[in-house]
Amino acid sequence: MTTSPKLVEYDKLFKKKIKPVEKIYPTINYRPIIINISCLCVLALGIYILYKRKENKQINKLLYEKKVYDISKEILDNREE
């Protein structure tokens, strides 16, 4: 085996270059946040639609009852004549 003798200690003569520490920025995954916000918007829209439907149901019920009352009144008036 032939090994070359170490006559010079390079570590003592030449200092090793110190590499600057690189800052590692964390990557943020926005997908779950976007999905959650969109689901909340869909829920809010659904609740709004149900609320409007309930209001329209009550109004439609009153209109229907009025129409039925008018028709029954008309029938009774025509019967009397």
N, C-alpha and C. Protein backbone atom coordinates (compact mmCIF):
# COMPACT_ATOMS: atom_id res chain seq x y z
N MET A 1 0.81 -1.16 0.00
CA MET A 1 0.00 0.00 0.00
C MET A 1 0.86 1.24 0.00
N THR A 2 0.48 2.07 -0.90
CA THR A 2 1.25 3.31 -0.95
C THR A 2 0.35 4.44 -0.52
N THR A 3 0.68 5.01 0.53
CA THR A 3 -0.04 6.19 1.01
C THR A 3 0.94 7.33 1.03
N SER A 4 0.45 8.42 0.60
CA SER A 4 1.34 9.57 0.59
C SER A 4 1.41 10.16 1.98
N PRO A 5 2.58 10.52 2.40
CA PRO A 5 2.72 11.07 3.74
C PRO A 5 2.11 12.47 3.81
N LYS A 6 1.53 12.77 4.92
CA LYS A 6 0.95 14.09 5.13
C LYS A 6 2.00 14.97 5.77
N LEU A 7 2.63 15.74 4.92
CA LEU A 7 3.68 16.62 5.42
C LEU A 7 3.11 17.97 5.86
N VAL A 8 2.01 18.35 5.26
CA VAL A 8 1.42 19.64 5.59
C VAL A 8 0.00 19.38 6.08
N GLU A 9 -0.34 20.04 7.15
CA GLU A 9 -1.71 19.94 7.65
C GLU A 9 -2.51 21.11 7.05
N TYR A 10 -3.27 20.76 6.07
CA TYR A 10 -4.02 21.79 5.35
C TYR A 10 -5.09 22.45 6.23
N ASP A 11 -5.60 21.70 7.17
CA ASP A 11 -6.64 22.26 8.03
C ASP A 11 -6.13 23.44 8.86
N LYS A 12 -4.90 23.38 9.24
CA LYS A 12 -4.33 24.46 10.08
C LYS A 12 -3.89 25.64 9.23
N LEU A 13 -3.45 25.41 8.02
CA LEU A 13 -2.98 26.49 7.17
C LEU A 13 -4.14 27.23 6.49
N PHE A 14 -5.04 26.50 5.97
CA PHE A 14 -6.17 27.10 5.25
C PHE A 14 -7.44 26.84 6.04
N LYS A 15 -8.07 27.93 6.38
CA LYS A 15 -9.33 27.78 7.11
C LYS A 15 -10.43 27.39 6.12
N LYS A 16 -11.29 26.56 6.60
CA LYS A 16 -12.40 26.15 5.77
C LYS A 16 -13.38 27.32 5.63
N LYS A 17 -13.92 27.42 4.43
CA LYS A 17 -14.89 28.49 4.21
C LYS A 17 -16.20 28.13 4.91
N ILE A 18 -16.67 29.09 5.65
CA ILE A 18 -17.93 28.89 6.35
C ILE A 18 -19.05 29.33 5.43
N LYS A 19 -19.94 28.42 5.18
CA LYS A 19 -21.06 28.75 4.32
C LYS A 19 -22.11 29.50 5.15
N PRO A 20 -22.68 30.55 4.59
CA PRO A 20 -23.72 31.26 5.34
C PRO A 20 -24.95 30.37 5.48
N VAL A 21 -25.57 30.53 6.62
CA VAL A 21 -26.76 29.72 6.90
C VAL A 21 -27.90 30.22 6.04
N GLU A 22 -28.49 29.33 5.29
CA GLU A 22 -29.61 29.70 4.44
C GLU A 22 -30.90 29.65 5.26
N LYS A 23 -31.67 30.70 5.11
CA LYS A 23 -32.95 30.72 5.82
C LYS A 23 -33.93 29.84 5.08
N ILE A 24 -34.58 29.00 5.83
CA ILE A 24 -35.58 28.11 5.25
C ILE A 24 -36.95 28.65 5.60
N TYR A 25 -37.67 29.06 4.58
CA TYR A 25 -39.01 29.58 4.79
C TYR A 25 -40.00 28.44 4.64
N PRO A 26 -40.92 28.31 5.59
CA PRO A 26 -41.89 27.23 5.47
C PRO A 26 -42.88 27.52 4.34
N THR A 27 -43.25 26.48 3.65
CA THR A 27 -44.24 26.65 2.59
C THR A 27 -45.62 26.46 3.22
N ILE A 28 -46.51 27.35 2.86
CA ILE A 28 -47.86 27.31 3.42
C ILE A 28 -48.79 26.73 2.37
N ASN A 29 -49.54 25.73 2.77
CA ASN A 29 -50.50 25.11 1.88
C ASN A 29 -51.85 25.79 2.10
N TYR A 30 -52.30 26.54 1.11
CA TYR A 30 -53.54 27.30 1.24
C TYR A 30 -54.79 26.50 0.86
N ARG A 31 -54.63 25.32 0.33
CA ARG A 31 -55.78 24.54 -0.14
C ARG A 31 -56.81 24.28 0.96
N PRO A 32 -56.42 23.81 2.17
CA PRO A 32 -57.44 23.58 3.20
C PRO A 32 -58.18 24.86 3.62
N ILE A 33 -57.46 25.97 3.65
CA ILE A 33 -58.09 27.24 4.04
C ILE A 33 -59.13 27.64 3.00
N ILE A 34 -58.78 27.51 1.73
CA ILE A 34 -59.70 27.87 0.66
C ILE A 34 -60.92 26.97 0.68
N ILE A 35 -60.71 25.68 0.91
CA ILE A 35 -61.83 24.73 0.96
C ILE A 35 -62.75 25.07 2.13
N ASN A 36 -62.19 25.38 3.28
CA ASN A 36 -63.02 25.73 4.45
C ASN A 36 -63.83 27.00 4.21
N ILE A 37 -63.20 28.00 3.64
CA ILE A 37 -63.91 29.26 3.39
C ILE A 37 -65.03 29.05 2.37
N SER A 38 -64.73 28.26 1.32
CA SER A 38 -65.77 28.02 0.31
C SER A 38 -66.93 27.21 0.91
N CYS A 39 -66.64 26.26 1.80
CA CYS A 39 -67.72 25.50 2.45
C CYS A 39 -68.56 26.41 3.34
N LEU A 40 -67.93 27.33 4.03
CA LEU A 40 -68.69 28.28 4.85
C LEU A 40 -69.58 29.16 3.99
N CYS A 41 -69.08 29.57 2.83
CA CYS A 41 -69.90 30.37 1.92
C CYS A 41 -71.10 29.57 1.42
N VAL A 42 -70.88 28.30 1.09
CA VAL A 42 -71.98 27.45 0.62
C VAL A 42 -73.01 27.27 1.74
N LEU A 43 -72.55 27.07 2.97
CA LEU A 43 -73.48 26.93 4.10
C LEU A 43 -74.29 28.21 4.31
N ALA A 44 -73.62 29.35 4.24
CA ALA A 44 -74.33 30.63 4.41
C ALA A 44 -75.36 30.81 3.30
N LEU A 45 -75.00 30.47 2.07
CA LEU A 45 -75.94 30.57 0.96
C LEU A 45 -77.13 29.64 1.16
N GLY A 46 -76.88 28.42 1.62
CA GLY A 46 -77.96 27.47 1.88
C GLY A 46 -78.90 27.96 2.96
N ILE A 47 -78.35 28.52 4.03
CA ILE A 47 -79.19 29.05 5.11
C ILE A 47 -80.03 30.22 4.60
N TYR A 48 -79.44 31.08 3.78
CA TYR A 48 -80.17 32.22 3.21
C TYR A 48 -81.32 31.73 2.33
N ILE A 49 -81.04 30.73 1.50
CA ILE A 49 -82.09 30.19 0.62
C ILE A 49 -83.21 29.57 1.44
N LEU A 50 -82.89 28.83 2.49
CA LEU A 50 -83.92 28.24 3.33
C LEU A 50 -84.76 29.32 4.03
N TYR A 51 -84.12 30.39 4.47
CA TYR A 51 -84.83 31.48 5.12
C TYR A 51 -85.81 32.15 4.15
N LYS A 52 -85.33 32.44 2.94
CA LYS A 52 -86.20 33.05 1.93
C LYS A 52 -87.35 32.12 1.56
N ARG A 53 -87.06 30.83 1.49
CA ARG A 53 -88.10 29.86 1.16
C ARG A 53 -89.18 29.84 2.25
N LYS A 54 -88.75 29.94 3.50
CA LYS A 54 -89.71 29.97 4.60
C LYS A 54 -90.60 31.21 4.52
N GLU A 55 -89.99 32.36 4.23
CA GLU A 55 -90.77 33.59 4.09
C GLU A 55 -91.75 33.48 2.94
N ASN A 56 -91.30 32.97 1.80
CA ASN A 56 -92.18 32.83 0.64
C ASN A 56 -93.28 31.81 0.91
N LYS A 57 -92.99 30.81 1.71
CA LYS A 57 -94.00 29.81 2.03
C LYS A 57 -95.15 30.45 2.80
N GLN A 58 -94.82 31.29 3.77
CA GLN A 58 -95.86 31.96 4.54
C GLN A 58 -96.67 32.91 3.67
N ILE A 59 -96.00 33.65 2.79
CA ILE A 59 -96.71 34.59 1.90
C ILE A 59 -97.60 33.82 0.94
N ASN A 60 -97.06 32.74 0.37
CA ASN A 60 -97.85 31.93 -0.57
C ASN A 60 -99.05 31.29 0.12
N LYS A 61 -98.88 30.90 1.38
CA LYS A 61 -99.99 30.31 2.14
C LYS A 61 -101.10 31.34 2.32
N LEU A 62 -100.73 32.57 2.66
CA LEU A 62 -101.74 33.62 2.83
C LEU A 62 -102.44 33.92 1.51
N LEU A 63 -101.68 33.98 0.41
CA LEU A 63 -102.29 34.23 -0.90
C LEU A 63 -103.24 33.09 -1.28
N TYR A 64 -102.84 31.86 -1.02
CA TYR A 64 -103.69 30.71 -1.33
C TYR A 64 -104.98 30.75 -0.52
N GLU A 65 -104.85 31.04 0.77
CA GLU A 65 -106.04 31.12 1.62
C GLU A 65 -106.99 32.23 1.15
N LYS A 66 -106.41 33.35 0.71
CA LYS A 66 -107.23 34.45 0.21
C LYS A 66 -107.96 34.04 -1.06
N LYS A 67 -107.25 33.36 -1.97
CA LYS A 67 -107.88 32.91 -3.20
C LYS A 67 -109.01 31.91 -2.91
N VAL A 68 -108.76 30.99 -2.00
CA VAL A 68 -109.79 30.01 -1.65
C VAL A 68 -110.99 30.71 -1.03
N TYR A 69 -110.74 31.68 -0.17
CA TYR A 69 -111.84 32.43 0.44
C TYR A 69 -112.63 33.17 -0.62
N ASP A 70 -111.94 33.84 -1.56
CA ASP A 70 -112.64 34.58 -2.62
C ASP A 70 -113.46 33.64 -3.50
N ILE A 71 -112.90 32.50 -3.86
CA ILE A 71 -113.62 31.54 -4.70
C ILE A 71 -114.85 31.01 -3.96
N SER A 72 -114.67 30.66 -2.68
CA SER A 72 -115.84 30.15 -1.92
C SER A 72 -116.90 31.23 -1.76
N LYS A 73 -116.50 32.47 -1.59
CA LYS A 73 -117.44 33.57 -1.47
C LYS A 73 -118.18 33.76 -2.80
N GLU A 74 -117.45 33.66 -3.91
CA GLU A 74 -118.06 33.79 -5.22
C GLU A 74 -119.07 32.68 -5.46
N ILE A 75 -118.73 31.48 -5.08
CA ILE A 75 -119.63 30.35 -5.28
C ILE A 75 -120.89 30.52 -4.43
N LEU A 76 -120.71 30.96 -3.20
CA LEU A 76 -121.87 31.17 -2.33
C LEU A 76 -122.74 32.30 -2.85
N ASP A 77 -122.15 33.36 -3.37
CA ASP A 77 -122.93 34.49 -3.91
C ASP A 77 -123.71 34.06 -5.15
N ASN A 78 -123.08 33.26 -6.00
CA ASN A 78 -123.76 32.78 -7.22
C ASN A 78 -124.87 31.78 -6.86
N ARG A 79 -124.71 31.08 -5.80
CA ARG A 79 -125.70 30.10 -5.38
C ARG A 79 -126.97 30.80 -4.89
N GLU A 80 -126.77 31.89 -4.20
CA GLU A 80 -127.91 32.63 -3.64
C GLU A 80 -128.75 33.27 -4.72
N GLU A 81 -128.15 33.59 -5.83
CA GLU A 81 -128.92 34.26 -6.89
C GLU A 81 -129.77 33.32 -7.60
